[in-house]
Amino acid sequence: MPSVPLNGIELTYDDQGSGEPVVLVMGSGASRRSWHLHQVPALTAAGYRVVTLDNRGLPPNESPPGGITLDAMAQDVLALVDHLALAPCRLVGFSLGAAVVAEALLARPTAARQAVLMAGRARPDAFSTAVSLAERELADSKAELPPGHLAVHSALRYLSPATLRDEQAVRDWLDIFHFAPPLTGPGIRAQLALDDSGDRRAAYRAITTPALCLGFADDVAIPAAATRELADCLPRARYTELPDCGHYGYLERPAEVNAALLDFFAGCEA
């Protein structure tokens, strides 16, 4: 588990495989290890060098100098790209990570040859704003909900109805959610606040990097329509929507997600 002092924090990352580099940026409250179950093995097997990192907000960077902002997180990614001499690389972001990647593309267009914005959006919608506010209110209340309640809530929020209809799959997911550590701490609380980062449609129209916007058809956290709207903002983006996927589509349907990534990468412009 290498780490390096970059951009005012001790940045933790993993670097696996060889070939053209891909940097994977995770969403709110999750570590870089979330990519390692499915995406890292598939990408390294396909001949890519894959770098994953922990966003500021996770230990040991729960209260970092410079605070926890989209710009600071984007600069963390760019600092790691520079440190490892990866540019021009491929940047992949999920959820909050998609917003981080978008800001990195705006800050330095030459850093990436392609980008994937998975479950991304250009502006929050009314329901996701309400959910984000409820999450922050719960965190601020210090209330401890029963693990079973949290597991069911997480399943409804993050999974597709197709998964919930699969008896074995839903049992497995409920077990995962039941025993997962709660998302607490000042860093996670600060990441949750970034869900309401405002309307970025006008800014994103300046992103000229070829991009794939990958939407999940049954996503209630970031609806597929929001990811389609994001694609419409980007001059060189294409939109792909995967069925039977909730917000955790990259874990629910990893084969389909990985195939979409690899197909997009294979069509990279010279």
Protein backbone atom coordinates (compact mmCIF):
# COMPACT_ATOMS: atom_id res chain seq x y z
CA MET A 1 0.00 0.00 0.00
CA PRO A 2 2.25 2.82 -1.18
CA SER A 3 1.65 6.39 -0.12
CA VAL A 4 3.32 9.63 -1.09
CA PRO A 5 3.09 13.25 0.14
CA LEU A 6 1.27 15.11 -2.63
CA ASN A 7 -0.87 18.24 -2.72
CA GLY A 8 -0.68 18.66 1.06
CA ILE A 9 -1.82 15.14 2.00
CA GLU A 10 -0.34 11.67 2.38
CA LEU A 11 -1.96 10.15 -0.70
CA THR A 12 -2.53 6.38 -0.59
CA TYR A 13 -2.70 4.48 -3.86
CA ASP A 14 -2.19 1.13 -5.61
CA ASP A 15 -0.40 0.65 -8.92
CA GLN A 16 -0.88 -2.67 -10.71
CA GLY A 17 -0.25 -4.14 -14.13
CA SER A 18 1.62 -2.74 -17.10
CA GLY A 19 0.69 -1.01 -20.30
CA GLU A 20 -1.26 2.16 -20.98
CA PRO A 21 -2.30 3.74 -17.66
CA VAL A 22 -5.84 3.98 -16.29
CA VAL A 23 -6.61 5.90 -13.08
CA LEU A 24 -9.78 4.90 -11.21
CA VAL A 25 -11.44 7.42 -8.86
CA MET A 26 -14.05 6.16 -6.38
CA GLY A 27 -17.19 7.83 -5.05
CA SER A 28 -18.33 9.07 -1.64
CA GLY A 29 -17.24 7.14 1.42
CA ALA A 30 -15.61 4.25 -0.45
CA SER A 31 -11.95 3.34 -0.67
CA ARG A 32 -9.90 2.55 -3.73
CA ARG A 33 -10.26 -1.15 -2.84
CA SER A 34 -13.83 -1.08 -4.17
CA TRP A 35 -12.34 -1.18 -7.68
CA HIS A 36 -10.20 -4.21 -6.92
CA LEU A 37 -12.94 -6.83 -6.84
CA HIS A 38 -13.87 -6.57 -10.53
CA GLN A 39 -12.44 -3.61 -12.48
CA VAL A 40 -8.74 -3.85 -11.60
CA PRO A 41 -8.47 -7.58 -12.50
CA ALA A 42 -10.32 -7.07 -15.79
CA LEU A 43 -8.26 -4.05 -16.83
CA THR A 44 -4.89 -5.52 -15.88
CA ALA A 45 -5.81 -8.77 -17.68
CA ALA A 46 -6.56 -6.67 -20.77
CA GLY A 47 -3.07 -5.18 -20.67
CA TYR A 48 -3.55 -1.91 -18.81
CA ARG A 49 -1.64 -0.41 -15.91
CA VAL A 50 -4.25 0.46 -13.29
CA VAL A 51 -3.82 3.05 -10.54
CA THR A 52 -6.39 3.48 -7.78
CA LEU A 53 -6.30 6.08 -5.01
CA ASP A 54 -8.11 7.03 -1.83
CA ASN A 55 -9.83 10.40 -2.04
CA ARG A 56 -9.25 12.99 0.67
CA GLY A 57 -11.86 12.54 3.34
CA LEU A 58 -10.81 8.95 4.03
CA PRO A 59 -8.20 8.13 6.69
CA PRO A 60 -5.53 9.39 7.11
CA ASN A 61 -6.85 12.51 5.34
CA GLU A 62 -10.10 13.15 7.19
CA SER A 63 -9.33 16.81 7.92
CA PRO A 64 -6.64 17.71 5.37
CA PRO A 65 -5.02 21.09 4.73
CA GLY A 66 -6.96 22.82 1.98
CA GLY A 67 -10.18 21.16 3.02
CA ILE A 68 -12.29 18.65 1.11
CA THR A 69 -13.50 20.20 -2.14
CA LEU A 70 -13.95 18.96 -5.69
CA ASP A 71 -11.08 21.16 -6.82
CA ALA A 72 -8.74 19.81 -4.13
CA MET A 73 -9.70 16.22 -4.97
CA ALA A 74 -9.12 16.87 -8.67
CA GLN A 75 -5.71 18.33 -7.87
CA ASP A 76 -4.91 15.19 -5.83
CA VAL A 77 -5.60 13.08 -8.91
CA LEU A 78 -3.49 15.33 -11.14
CA ALA A 79 -0.64 15.34 -8.60
CA LEU A 80 -0.61 11.54 -8.63
CA VAL A 81 -0.70 11.52 -12.44
CA ASP A 82 2.34 13.79 -12.41
CA HIS A 83 4.13 11.81 -9.69
CA LEU A 84 3.77 8.55 -11.63
CA ALA A 85 4.32 10.22 -15.04
CA LEU A 86 1.04 8.82 -16.37
CA ALA A 87 -0.14 11.60 -18.69
CA PRO A 88 -1.86 11.35 -21.01
CA CYS A 89 -3.77 8.55 -19.28
CA ARG A 90 -7.35 7.37 -19.04
CA LEU A 91 -9.36 8.72 -16.11
CA VAL A 92 -12.38 6.80 -14.79
CA GLY A 93 -14.64 8.21 -12.07
CA PHE A 94 -17.71 6.78 -10.35
CA SER A 95 -20.41 8.98 -8.80
CA LEU A 96 -18.55 11.66 -6.79
CA GLY A 97 -15.43 10.36 -8.55
CA ALA A 98 -17.01 11.28 -11.89
CA ALA A 99 -17.29 14.88 -10.69
CA VAL A 100 -13.68 14.77 -9.54
CA VAL A 101 -12.57 13.52 -12.95
CA ALA A 102 -14.62 16.20 -14.71
CA GLU A 103 -12.94 18.92 -12.65
CA ALA A 104 -9.53 17.40 -13.41
CA LEU A 105 -10.34 17.51 -17.13
CA LEU A 106 -11.26 21.18 -16.83
CA ALA A 107 -8.14 22.00 -14.85
CA ARG A 108 -5.77 20.20 -17.20
CA PRO A 109 -7.15 18.86 -20.49
CA THR A 110 -3.80 17.34 -21.47
CA ALA A 111 -3.80 14.96 -18.48
CA ALA A 112 -6.18 12.48 -20.11
CA ARG A 113 -6.61 10.96 -23.53
CA GLN A 114 -10.01 9.51 -22.59
CA ALA A 115 -12.37 9.72 -19.64
CA VAL A 116 -15.21 7.60 -18.30
CA LEU A 117 -17.84 9.28 -16.13
CA MET A 118 -19.78 6.45 -14.50
CA ALA A 119 -23.05 7.37 -12.76
CA GLY A 120 -22.08 11.01 -13.16
CA ARG A 121 -24.18 14.13 -13.51
CA ALA A 122 -23.85 17.83 -14.31
CA ARG A 123 -26.28 19.05 -11.62
CA PRO A 124 -28.21 17.56 -8.68
CA ASP A 125 -31.89 16.75 -9.07
CA ALA A 126 -34.57 17.35 -6.44
CA PHE A 127 -34.66 13.81 -5.07
CA SER A 128 -30.90 13.29 -4.89
CA THR A 129 -30.60 16.66 -3.16
CA ALA A 130 -33.16 15.53 -0.58
CA VAL A 131 -31.32 12.23 -0.08
CA SER A 132 -28.01 14.04 0.35
CA LEU A 133 -29.54 16.39 2.90
CA ALA A 134 -31.05 13.46 4.79
CA GLU A 135 -27.65 11.72 4.87
CA ARG A 136 -26.01 14.84 6.30
CA GLU A 137 -28.77 15.29 8.86
CA LEU A 138 -28.33 11.69 9.99
CA ALA A 139 -24.55 12.14 10.25
CA ASP A 140 -24.96 15.35 12.23
CA SER A 141 -27.49 13.77 14.60
CA LYS A 142 -24.98 11.10 15.68
CA ALA A 143 -27.88 8.64 15.71
CA GLU A 144 -27.01 4.97 15.37
CA LEU A 145 -29.55 3.09 13.29
CA PRO A 146 -29.90 -0.69 13.62
CA PRO A 147 -27.65 -2.55 11.15
CA GLY A 148 -30.63 -4.37 9.65
CA HIS A 149 -32.38 -1.08 8.89
CA LEU A 150 -29.25 0.31 7.27
CA ALA A 151 -28.83 -2.85 5.19
CA VAL A 152 -32.37 -2.66 3.81
CA HIS A 153 -32.07 1.08 3.16
CA SER A 154 -28.78 0.57 1.33
CA ALA A 155 -30.23 -2.23 -0.80
CA LEU A 156 -33.17 -0.06 -1.85
CA ARG A 157 -30.96 2.91 -2.62
CA TYR A 158 -28.04 1.26 -4.37
CA LEU A 159 -29.30 -1.90 -6.08
CA SER A 160 -31.47 -2.66 -9.07
CA PRO A 161 -34.93 -4.24 -8.59
CA ALA A 162 -33.55 -7.09 -10.69
CA THR A 163 -31.01 -7.81 -7.97
CA LEU A 164 -33.65 -7.48 -5.24
CA ARG A 165 -35.73 -10.14 -7.03
CA ASP A 166 -32.79 -12.57 -7.03
CA GLU A 167 -33.15 -14.48 -3.75
CA GLN A 168 -29.50 -15.48 -3.36
CA ALA A 169 -28.09 -12.21 -4.63
CA VAL A 170 -30.19 -10.10 -2.27
CA ARG A 171 -29.26 -12.29 0.71
CA ASP A 172 -25.58 -11.83 -0.13
CA TRP A 173 -25.95 -8.07 -0.55
CA LEU A 174 -27.89 -7.68 2.69
CA ASP A 175 -25.10 -9.52 4.49
CA ILE A 176 -22.53 -7.18 2.94
CA PHE A 177 -24.49 -4.07 3.91
CA HIS A 178 -25.23 -5.44 7.39
CA PHE A 179 -21.59 -5.93 8.28
CA ALA A 180 -20.13 -2.96 6.39
CA PRO A 181 -18.62 -0.32 8.67
CA PRO A 182 -20.81 2.78 9.04
CA LEU A 183 -19.87 5.86 7.03
CA THR A 184 -18.89 8.25 9.78
CA GLY A 185 -16.28 10.89 10.53
CA PRO A 186 -15.60 14.46 9.45
CA GLY A 187 -14.10 13.47 6.12
CA ILE A 188 -17.11 11.42 5.04
CA ARG A 189 -19.42 14.20 6.23
CA ALA A 190 -17.49 16.65 4.05
CA GLN A 191 -17.68 14.34 1.04
CA LEU A 192 -21.46 14.09 1.44
CA ALA A 193 -21.72 17.87 1.21
CA LEU A 194 -20.09 17.73 -2.24
CA ASP A 195 -23.18 16.00 -3.64
CA ASP A 196 -24.77 19.46 -3.87
CA SER A 197 -21.99 21.08 -5.88
CA GLY A 198 -24.38 23.05 -8.07
CA ASP A 199 -25.12 23.26 -11.77
CA ARG A 200 -21.95 22.58 -13.79
CA ARG A 201 -23.54 22.22 -17.23
CA ALA A 202 -22.07 25.41 -18.64
CA ALA A 203 -18.59 24.64 -17.29
CA TYR A 204 -18.61 21.07 -18.58
CA ARG A 205 -19.20 22.26 -22.14
CA ALA A 206 -15.51 23.24 -22.14
CA ILE A 207 -14.38 19.62 -21.65
CA THR A 208 -12.97 18.43 -24.96
CA THR A 209 -11.56 15.06 -23.85
CA PRO A 210 -13.27 12.08 -25.53
CA ALA A 211 -15.58 10.70 -22.87
CA LEU A 212 -17.91 7.81 -22.16
CA CYS A 213 -20.81 8.64 -19.85
CA LEU A 214 -22.04 5.36 -18.41
CA GLY A 215 -25.52 5.37 -16.90
CA PHE A 216 -27.22 2.67 -14.84
CA ALA A 217 -30.86 2.17 -15.83
CA ASP A 218 -32.22 1.54 -12.32
CA ASP A 219 -30.05 4.04 -10.45
CA VAL A 220 -32.13 6.09 -7.98
CA ALA A 221 -29.11 7.86 -6.45
CA ILE A 222 -28.00 9.37 -9.77
CA PRO A 223 -30.68 8.62 -12.36
CA ALA A 224 -29.61 7.48 -15.80
CA ALA A 225 -31.32 10.56 -17.26
CA ALA A 226 -28.88 12.74 -15.31
CA THR A 227 -25.92 10.87 -16.77
CA ARG A 228 -27.42 11.22 -20.25
CA GLU A 229 -27.77 14.97 -19.65
CA LEU A 230 -24.11 15.04 -18.60
CA ALA A 231 -23.15 13.40 -21.90
CA ASP A 232 -25.16 16.01 -23.77
CA CYS A 233 -23.04 18.72 -22.12
CA LEU A 234 -19.72 17.28 -23.27
CA PRO A 235 -18.76 18.05 -26.87
CA ARG A 236 -17.00 14.71 -27.43
CA ALA A 237 -18.99 12.34 -25.22
CA ARG A 238 -21.07 9.31 -25.96
CA TYR A 239 -23.70 7.82 -23.66
CA THR A 240 -24.18 4.16 -22.81
CA GLU A 241 -26.87 2.85 -20.47
CA LEU A 242 -26.70 -0.56 -18.84
CA PRO A 243 -29.92 -2.38 -17.83
CA ASP A 244 -30.58 -4.09 -14.47
CA CYS A 245 -28.06 -1.86 -12.70
CA GLY A 246 -28.61 0.31 -9.65
CA HIS A 247 -26.10 2.84 -8.38
CA TYR A 248 -23.70 0.00 -7.62
CA GLY A 249 -23.86 -1.22 -11.21
CA TYR A 250 -20.09 -1.66 -11.36
CA LEU A 251 -20.51 -4.33 -8.65
CA GLU A 252 -23.91 -5.72 -9.72
CA ARG A 253 -23.06 -6.17 -13.40
CA PRO A 254 -19.25 -6.02 -13.51
CA ALA A 255 -18.90 -7.99 -16.75
CA GLU A 256 -21.08 -5.51 -18.63
CA VAL A 257 -19.38 -2.49 -17.05
CA ASN A 258 -15.91 -3.83 -17.79
CA ALA A 259 -16.89 -4.63 -21.38
CA ALA A 260 -18.14 -1.05 -21.85
CA LEU A 261 -14.86 0.34 -20.51
CA LEU A 262 -12.68 -1.89 -22.65
CA ASP A 263 -14.75 -1.25 -25.79
CA PHE A 264 -14.41 2.50 -25.27
CA PHE A 265 -10.69 2.27 -24.59
CA ALA A 266 -10.17 0.17 -27.72
CA GLY A 267 -11.68 2.94 -29.83
CA CYS A 268 -9.29 5.59 -28.49
CA GLU A 269 -8.45 8.25 -31.03
CA ALA A 270 -4.79 8.55 -31.96
